[in-house]
Amino acid sequence: MKLCDLVPGGAIVANLRADDRNGVIRELVTVLSVTGAITDAEVEPVSRSIVTRERTRGTTGFGRGVAAPHTKLDGLKRVVVAVGRSAGGVDFSALDGEPVFGVFLVLSPTEQPEQHLRAMDVIFRVLQQEKFRRFLRQADSEAKIAELLREADEQTPPPSRS
């Protein structure tokens, strides 16, 4: 599974307008509706679901300037990801207390838990790379972020199969 396979065309926001966690979540969910990954009618319930998960099950801001908010949806055909970059940083209540600059919002089919786990594994392996995080924070256009994702797909080793 590759990052580029998870991110539909048009699902990258290089300069998030929202300046708070809930706004960023809604902005990225809206982007996924624009791409056709979900319907316009699903934007509000999906956004609420992710915000509720953040409040009740703990932050998805795992530190080092990145977050991966996520939820599972009935009827979704495949895992889809929207990528956002905040130039000024957003308070995601991250584990290290630092602002978040890169957000990978993940929607997964409820019926395919193994696909959700594989997608999260790919995202976490990439986000653990300091060089990727630094370049993501500097990438000020959708094209630069898309290129960064392509490079990450080429350079990130597949998970070990033990």
Protein backbone atom coordinates (compact mmCIF):
# COMPACT_ATOMS: atom_id res chain seq x y z
CA MET A 1 0.00 0.00 0.00
CA LYS A 2 1.35 3.41 -1.02
CA LEU A 3 0.54 6.92 0.24
CA CYS A 4 -0.23 8.12 -3.27
CA ASP A 5 -2.83 5.35 -3.64
CA LEU A 6 -4.61 6.59 -0.52
CA VAL A 7 -4.76 10.30 -1.39
CA PRO A 8 -7.31 11.05 -4.15
CA GLY A 9 -6.49 13.79 -6.63
CA GLY A 10 -7.38 17.15 -5.09
CA ALA A 11 -7.16 15.91 -1.49
CA ILE A 12 -4.10 17.98 -0.57
CA VAL A 13 -4.33 21.39 1.10
CA ALA A 14 -0.97 23.15 1.25
CA ASN A 15 -2.21 26.13 3.25
CA LEU A 16 -4.98 25.21 5.64
CA ARG A 17 -7.24 28.16 6.43
CA ALA A 18 -8.53 26.76 9.72
CA ASP A 19 -6.51 27.64 12.80
CA ASP A 20 -7.99 25.17 15.29
CA ARG A 21 -8.22 21.37 15.43
CA ASN A 22 -11.94 21.10 14.75
CA GLY A 23 -11.73 23.53 11.85
CA VAL A 24 -8.83 21.63 10.29
CA ILE A 25 -10.75 18.38 10.58
CA ARG A 26 -13.82 19.90 8.92
CA GLU A 27 -11.69 21.52 6.18
CA LEU A 28 -10.03 18.21 5.30
CA VAL A 29 -13.30 16.24 5.42
CA THR A 30 -14.80 18.87 3.09
CA VAL A 31 -11.87 18.38 0.69
CA LEU A 32 -12.66 14.66 0.57
CA SER A 33 -16.26 15.48 -0.34
CA VAL A 34 -15.04 17.72 -3.18
CA THR A 35 -13.00 14.79 -4.53
CA GLY A 36 -16.11 12.59 -4.45
CA ALA A 37 -14.71 10.23 -1.81
CA ILE A 38 -17.73 11.05 0.39
CA THR A 39 -20.94 12.97 -0.22
CA ASP A 40 -21.58 16.56 0.81
CA ALA A 41 -24.24 15.26 3.21
CA GLU A 42 -21.59 13.20 5.01
CA VAL A 43 -19.28 16.14 5.77
CA GLU A 44 -20.95 17.18 9.05
CA PRO A 45 -21.50 13.70 10.54
CA VAL A 46 -18.00 12.55 9.57
CA SER A 47 -16.42 15.73 10.99
CA ARG A 48 -18.39 15.29 14.24
CA SER A 49 -17.33 11.65 14.45
CA ILE A 50 -13.64 12.54 14.19
CA VAL A 51 -13.91 15.45 16.65
CA THR A 52 -15.75 13.19 19.12
CA ARG A 53 -13.05 10.55 18.75
CA GLU A 54 -10.39 13.20 19.48
CA ARG A 55 -12.20 14.25 22.66
CA THR A 56 -13.18 10.84 24.01
CA ARG A 57 -10.41 8.48 22.91
CA GLY A 58 -7.41 10.80 22.98
CA THR A 59 -5.58 13.01 20.57
CA THR A 60 -4.28 11.81 17.24
CA GLY A 61 -1.60 14.50 17.43
CA PHE A 62 1.19 12.10 18.23
CA GLY A 63 3.91 14.71 18.43
CA ARG A 64 6.73 16.05 16.29
CA GLY A 65 4.35 18.40 14.49
CA VAL A 66 2.02 15.82 12.93
CA ALA A 67 -1.44 14.36 13.50
CA ALA A 68 -3.49 11.58 11.91
CA PRO A 69 -7.17 12.05 12.82
CA HIS A 70 -9.26 9.14 11.59
CA THR A 71 -12.60 7.37 11.63
CA LYS A 72 -14.33 4.40 10.02
CA LEU A 73 -17.41 4.77 7.83
CA ASP A 74 -20.09 2.33 6.77
CA GLY A 75 -20.38 2.02 3.01
CA LEU A 76 -17.02 3.57 2.12
CA LYS A 77 -15.39 1.59 -0.71
CA ARG A 78 -11.73 2.13 0.19
CA VAL A 79 -9.41 3.99 2.56
CA VAL A 80 -9.02 7.65 1.59
CA VAL A 81 -6.68 10.26 3.02
CA ALA A 82 -6.62 14.05 2.87
CA VAL A 83 -3.31 15.76 3.60
CA GLY A 84 -3.13 19.26 5.04
CA ARG A 85 -0.31 21.63 5.98
CA SER A 86 -0.65 24.52 8.38
CA ALA A 87 2.02 27.19 8.01
CA GLY A 88 1.43 28.56 11.51
CA GLY A 89 0.66 25.31 13.30
CA VAL A 90 -2.51 24.16 15.04
CA ASP A 91 -3.12 23.09 18.63
CA PHE A 92 -4.11 19.41 18.36
CA SER A 93 -3.42 18.69 22.03
CA ALA A 94 -0.48 16.68 20.73
CA LEU A 95 1.31 14.32 23.08
CA ASP A 96 4.39 16.55 23.14
CA GLY A 97 2.35 19.74 23.59
CA GLU A 98 3.74 21.22 20.35
CA PRO A 99 1.65 22.60 17.46
CA VAL A 100 0.80 20.40 14.48
CA PHE A 101 1.89 21.46 10.99
CA GLY A 102 1.06 18.32 8.99
CA VAL A 103 -2.27 16.48 9.14
CA PHE A 104 -3.17 13.18 7.48
CA LEU A 105 -6.94 12.72 7.86
CA VAL A 106 -7.94 9.08 7.27
CA LEU A 107 -11.37 7.66 6.44
CA SER A 108 -11.63 3.86 6.33
CA PRO A 109 -14.41 1.41 5.50
CA THR A 110 -15.87 -0.09 8.68
CA GLU A 111 -16.03 -3.44 6.89
CA GLN A 112 -12.28 -3.50 6.13
CA PRO A 113 -10.39 -3.14 9.44
CA GLU A 114 -7.23 -4.70 7.97
CA GLN A 115 -7.09 -1.97 5.30
CA HIS A 116 -7.40 0.68 8.02
CA LEU A 117 -4.48 -0.84 9.93
CA ARG A 118 -2.33 -1.10 6.80
CA ALA A 119 -3.04 2.53 5.87
CA MET A 120 -2.25 3.77 9.37
CA ASP A 121 0.97 1.74 9.36
CA VAL A 122 2.08 3.33 6.06
CA ILE A 123 1.26 6.82 7.34
CA PHE A 124 2.99 6.34 10.71
CA ARG A 125 6.13 4.89 9.13
CA VAL A 126 6.42 7.93 6.86
CA LEU A 127 5.57 10.45 9.59
CA GLN A 128 8.26 9.01 11.85
CA GLN A 129 10.90 10.19 9.38
CA GLU A 130 12.28 13.55 10.51
CA LYS A 131 13.28 14.53 6.98
CA PHE A 132 9.74 13.93 5.67
CA ARG A 133 8.20 15.99 8.49
CA ARG A 134 10.62 18.86 7.86
CA PHE A 135 9.96 18.91 4.11
CA LEU A 136 6.20 18.64 4.65
CA ARG A 137 6.31 21.68 6.91
CA GLN A 138 8.15 23.63 4.19
CA ALA A 139 6.03 22.43 1.25
CA ASP A 140 3.94 25.48 0.37
CA SER A 141 2.02 24.10 -2.63
CA GLU A 142 -0.13 21.08 -3.40
CA ALA A 143 2.36 20.06 -6.11
CA LYS A 144 5.27 20.08 -3.63
CA ILE A 145 3.32 17.95 -1.16
CA ALA A 146 2.28 15.51 -3.92
CA GLU A 147 5.93 15.18 -4.96
CA LEU A 148 6.93 14.62 -1.33
CA LEU A 149 4.35 11.81 -1.07
CA ARG A 150 5.70 10.20 -4.27
CA GLU A 151 9.26 10.38 -2.93
CA ALA A 152 8.15 8.88 0.38
CA ASP A 153 6.51 5.98 -1.47
CA GLU A 154 9.78 5.31 -3.30
CA GLN A 155 12.03 5.60 -0.25
CA THR A 156 10.02 4.06 2.58
CA PRO A 157 10.74 0.36 2.98
CA PRO A 158 7.74 -1.95 3.15
CA PRO A 159 6.81 -3.31 6.58
CA SER A 160 8.66 -6.44 7.61
CA ARG A 161 6.69 -9.65 7.42
CA SER A 162 7.74 -11.68 10.44
